[in-house]
C-alpha atoms as a PDB file:
ATOM      1  CA  UNK A   1      40.255  22.574 -25.443  1.00  0.00           C
ATOM      2  CA  UNK A   2      38.028  20.476 -23.122  1.00  0.00           C
ATOM      3  CA  UNK A   3      36.216  23.581 -21.950  1.00  0.00           C
ATOM      4  CA  UNK A   4      35.668  25.016 -18.432  1.00  0.00           C
ATOM      5  CA  UNK A   5      34.968  22.689 -15.389  1.00  0.00           C
ATOM      6  CA  UNK A   6      33.806  24.106 -12.138  1.00  0.00           C
ATOM      7  CA  UNK A   7      36.200  21.983 -10.093  1.00  0.00           C
ATOM      8  CA  UNK A   8      39.178  23.681 -12.004  1.00  0.00           C
ATOM      9  CA  UNK A   9      38.701  26.821  -9.953  1.00  0.00           C
ATOM     10  CA  UNK A  10      39.347  25.021  -6.683  1.00  0.00           C
ATOM     11  CA  UNK A  11      38.504  27.125  -3.593  1.00  0.00           C
ATOM     12  CA  UNK A  12      37.610  30.549  -5.158  1.00  0.00           C
ATOM     13  CA  UNK A  13      34.733  32.233  -3.317  1.00  0.00           C
ATOM     14  CA  UNK A  14      31.522  33.114  -5.209  1.00  0.00           C
ATOM     15  CA  UNK A  15      31.213  36.158  -2.937  1.00  0.00           C
ATOM     16  CA  UNK A  16      32.491  39.697  -4.075  1.00  0.00           C
ATOM     17  CA  UNK A  17      35.523  40.775  -2.115  1.00  0.00           C
ATOM     18  CA  UNK A  18      34.984  43.109   0.827  1.00  0.00           C
ATOM     19  CA  UNK A  19      35.961  46.642   0.120  1.00  0.00           C
ATOM     20  CA  UNK A  20      37.618  49.149   2.344  1.00  0.00           C
ATOM     21  CA  UNK A  21      35.803  52.216   1.099  1.00  0.00           C
ATOM     22  CA  UNK A  22      34.161  54.669   3.413  1.00  0.00           C
ATOM     23  CA  UNK A  23      30.863  56.224   2.739  1.00  0.00           C
ATOM     24  CA  UNK A  24      32.374  59.254   0.847  1.00  0.00           C
ATOM     25  CA  UNK A  25      34.479  57.154  -1.435  1.00  0.00           C
ATOM     26  CA  UNK A  26      31.436  54.857  -2.284  1.00  0.00           C
ATOM     27  CA  UNK A  27      29.376  58.041  -3.146  1.00  0.00           C
ATOM     28  CA  UNK A  28      32.071  59.427  -5.228  1.00  0.00           C
ATOM     29  CA  UNK A  29      32.386  56.218  -7.401  1.00  0.00           C
ATOM     30  CA  UNK A  30      28.666  55.962  -7.528  1.00  0.00           C
ATOM     31  CA  UNK A  31      28.698  59.488  -8.973  1.00  0.00           C
ATOM     32  CA  UNK A  32      31.487  58.747 -11.278  1.00  0.00           C
ATOM     33  CA  UNK A  33      29.665  55.715 -12.582  1.00  0.00           C
ATOM     34  CA  UNK A  34      26.478  57.722 -13.147  1.00  0.00           C
ATOM     35  CA  UNK A  35      28.298  60.371 -15.004  1.00  0.00           C
ATOM     36  CA  UNK A  36      30.127  57.828 -17.157  1.00  0.00           C
ATOM     37  CA  UNK A  37      26.720  56.158 -18.012  1.00  0.00           C
ATOM     38  CA  UNK A  38      25.385  59.518 -18.854  1.00  0.00           C
ATOM     39  CA  UNK A  39      28.357  60.206 -21.001  1.00  0.00           C
ATOM     40  CA  UNK A  40      28.263  56.980 -22.804  1.00  0.00           C
ATOM     41  CA  UNK A  41      24.404  57.530 -23.375  1.00  0.00           C
ATOM     42  CA  UNK A  42      25.304  60.870 -24.896  1.00  0.00           C
ATOM     43  CA  UNK A  43      27.867  59.615 -27.089  1.00  0.00           C
ATOM     44  CA  UNK A  44      25.865  56.756 -28.434  1.00  0.00           C
ATOM     45  CA  UNK A  45      22.982  59.196 -29.226  1.00  0.00           C
ATOM     46  CA  UNK A  46      25.441  61.408 -31.043  1.00  0.00           C
ATOM     47  CA  UNK A  47      26.981  58.477 -32.992  1.00  0.00           C
ATOM     48  CA  UNK A  48      23.421  57.479 -33.997  1.00  0.00           C
ATOM     49  CA  UNK A  49      22.538  60.876 -35.129  1.00  0.00           C
ATOM     50  CA  UNK A  50      25.814  61.175 -37.291  1.00  0.00           C
ATOM     51  CA  UNK A  51      25.146  57.702 -38.659  1.00  0.00           C
ATOM     52  CA  UNK A  52      21.610  58.868 -39.541  1.00  0.00           C
ATOM     53  CA  UNK A  53      22.911  62.112 -41.170  1.00  0.00           C
ATOM     54  CA  UNK A  54      25.432  60.303 -43.143  1.00  0.00           C
ATOM     55  CA  UNK A  55      22.746  57.980 -44.565  1.00  0.00           C
ATOM     56  CA  UNK A  56      20.782  61.161 -45.664  1.00  0.00           C
ATOM     57  CA  UNK A  57      23.688  62.556 -47.376  1.00  0.00           C
ATOM     58  CA  UNK A  58      24.615  59.458 -49.138  1.00  0.00           C
ATOM     59  CA  UNK A  59      20.856  58.956 -50.226  1.00  0.00           C
ATOM     60  CA  UNK A  60      20.892  62.688 -51.393  1.00  0.00           C
ATOM     61  CA  UNK A  61      24.067  62.164 -53.482  1.00  0.00           C
ATOM     62  CA  UNK A  62      22.486  58.934 -55.143  1.00  0.00           C
ATOM     63  CA  UNK A  63      19.394  60.607 -55.952  1.00  0.00           C
ATOM     64  CA  UNK A  64      21.342  63.714 -57.487  1.00  0.00           C
ATOM     65  CA  UNK A  65      23.832  61.715 -59.490  1.00  0.00           C
ATOM     66  CA  UNK A  66      21.682  61.106 -62.666  1.00  0.00           C
ATOM     67  CA  UNK A  67      20.719  64.724 -62.835  1.00  0.00           C
ATOM     68  CA  UNK A  68      24.469  65.782 -62.487  1.00  0.00           C
ATOM     69  CA  UNK A  69      25.368  63.380 -65.260  1.00  0.00           C
ATOM     70  CA  UNK A  70      22.737  64.563 -67.453  1.00  0.00           C
ATOM     71  CA  UNK A  71      23.881  68.446 -66.803  1.00  0.00           C
ATOM     72  CA  UNK A  72      27.306  67.286 -67.568  1.00  0.00           C
ATOM     73  CA  UNK A  73      26.354  65.693 -70.814  1.00  0.00           C
ATOM     74  CA  UNK A  74      24.299  68.731 -71.780  1.00  0.00           C
ATOM     75  CA  UNK A  75      27.381  71.004 -71.325  1.00  0.00           C
ATOM     76  CA  UNK A  76      29.526  68.713 -73.336  1.00  0.00           C
ATOM     77  CA  UNK A  77      26.969  68.676 -76.176  1.00  0.00           C
ATOM     78  CA  UNK A  78      26.505  72.422 -75.997  1.00  0.00           C
ATOM     79  CA  UNK A  79      30.279  72.997 -76.013  1.00  0.00           C
ATOM     80  CA  UNK A  80      30.692  70.703 -78.969  1.00  0.00           C
ATOM     81  CA  UNK A  81      27.891  72.348 -80.830  1.00  0.00           C
ATOM     82  CA  UNK A  82      29.145  75.926 -80.232  1.00  0.00           C
ATOM     83  CA  UNK A  83      32.818  74.544 -81.526  1.00  0.00           C
ATOM     84  CA  UNK A  84      31.197  73.077 -84.629  1.00  0.00           C
ATOM     85  CA  UNK A  85      29.470  76.416 -85.277  1.00  0.00           C
ATOM     86  CA  UNK A  86      32.677  78.308 -84.854  1.00  0.00           C
ATOM     87  CA  UNK A  87      34.660  75.826 -87.061  1.00  0.00           C
ATOM     88  CA  UNK A  88      32.093  76.252 -89.854  1.00  0.00           C
ATOM     89  CA  UNK A  89      32.032  79.876 -89.676  1.00  0.00           C
ATOM     90  CA  UNK A  90      35.667  79.982 -90.027  1.00  0.00           C
ATOM     91  CA  UNK A  91      36.193  77.131 -92.655  1.00  0.00           C
ATOM     92  CA  UNK A  92      33.145  77.218 -94.875  1.00  0.00           C
ATOM     93  CA  UNK A  93      32.426  80.164 -96.861  1.00  0.00           C
ATOM     94  CA  UNK A  94      28.879  79.151 -97.676  1.00  0.00           C
ATOM     95  CA  UNK A  95      28.179  78.965 -93.819  1.00  0.00           C
ATOM     96  CA  UNK A  96      27.728  82.563 -92.674  1.00  0.00           C
ATOM     97  CA  UNK A  97      26.360  83.625 -89.394  1.00  0.00           C
ATOM     98  CA  UNK A  98      26.246  87.304 -88.318  1.00  0.00           C
ATOM     99  CA  UNK A  99      28.558  88.546 -85.481  1.00  0.00           C
ATOM    100  CA  UNK A 100      25.654  89.213 -83.178  1.00  0.00           C
ATOM    101  CA  UNK A 101      24.445  85.679 -83.651  1.00  0.00           C
ATOM    102  CA  UNK A 102      27.960  84.253 -82.904  1.00  0.00           C
ATOM    103  CA  UNK A 103      28.291  86.650 -80.056  1.00  0.00           C
ATOM    104  CA  UNK A 104      24.872  85.336 -78.470  1.00  0.00           C
ATOM    105  CA  UNK A 105      25.834  81.565 -79.181  1.00  0.00           C
ATOM    106  CA  UNK A 106      29.405  81.883 -77.737  1.00  0.00           C
ATOM    107  CA  UNK A 107      28.666  84.586 -74.971  1.00  0.00           C
ATOM    108  CA  UNK A 108      25.402  84.922 -73.311  1.00  0.00           C
ATOM    109  CA  UNK A 109      24.298  81.228 -73.795  1.00  0.00           C
ATOM    110  CA  UNK A 110      27.581  80.158 -72.254  1.00  0.00           C
ATOM    111  CA  UNK A 111      26.838  82.276 -69.395  1.00  0.00           C
ATOM    112  CA  UNK A 112      23.455  80.511 -68.853  1.00  0.00           C
ATOM    113  CA  UNK A 113      25.156  77.056 -69.518  1.00  0.00           C
ATOM    114  CA  UNK A 114      27.897  77.808 -66.932  1.00  0.00           C
ATOM    115  CA  UNK A 115      25.181  79.015 -64.556  1.00  0.00           C
ATOM    116  CA  UNK A 116      23.280  75.941 -64.727  1.00  0.00           C
ATOM    117  CA  UNK A 117      26.636  73.880 -63.923  1.00  0.00           C
ATOM    118  CA  UNK A 118      26.949  76.227 -60.994  1.00  0.00           C
ATOM    119  CA  UNK A 119      23.539  75.397 -59.625  1.00  0.00           C
ATOM    120  CA  UNK A 120      24.155  71.655 -59.895  1.00  0.00           C
ATOM    121  CA  UNK A 121      27.574  71.924 -58.130  1.00  0.00           C
ATOM    122  CA  UNK A 122      26.212  74.047 -55.399  1.00  0.00           C
ATOM    123  CA  UNK A 123      23.399  71.503 -54.880  1.00  0.00           C
ATOM    124  CA  UNK A 124      25.857  68.676 -54.888  1.00  0.00           C
ATOM    125  CA  UNK A 125      28.568  70.073 -52.742  1.00  0.00           C
ATOM    126  CA  UNK A 126      27.189  73.189 -51.224  1.00  0.00           C
ATOM    127  CA  UNK A 127      27.213  73.972 -47.442  1.00  0.00           C
ATOM    128  CA  UNK A 128      23.795  72.036 -46.848  1.00  0.00           C
ATOM    129  CA  UNK A 129      24.879  69.120 -48.926  1.00  0.00           C
END
């Protein structure tokens, strides 16, 4: 394309066209334009606020991710350890733990471990997350 040349537009005037608005219509449209500008400004402010909030949530998730992975690894190791102890108790006659110790290992420490997982999950996905 050769581009725009002023002589291509011919006899088009540079003056804005005359309007047939009366004073009340001009005021109405001026108020409408002002309201639309205000609405646009409010929407742009809300978009910026939401963008900033989204960045904060993403940064928080990135900061918490290593801790969540460590807690998950701890829970996996704990579960495997309890499983091995229960297998040894049932399979080896030379390995003998009292019922109280087995109850504590399989019961109350499991509650503490699951509570820790609950705290991490609430931190990651809770209402303020």
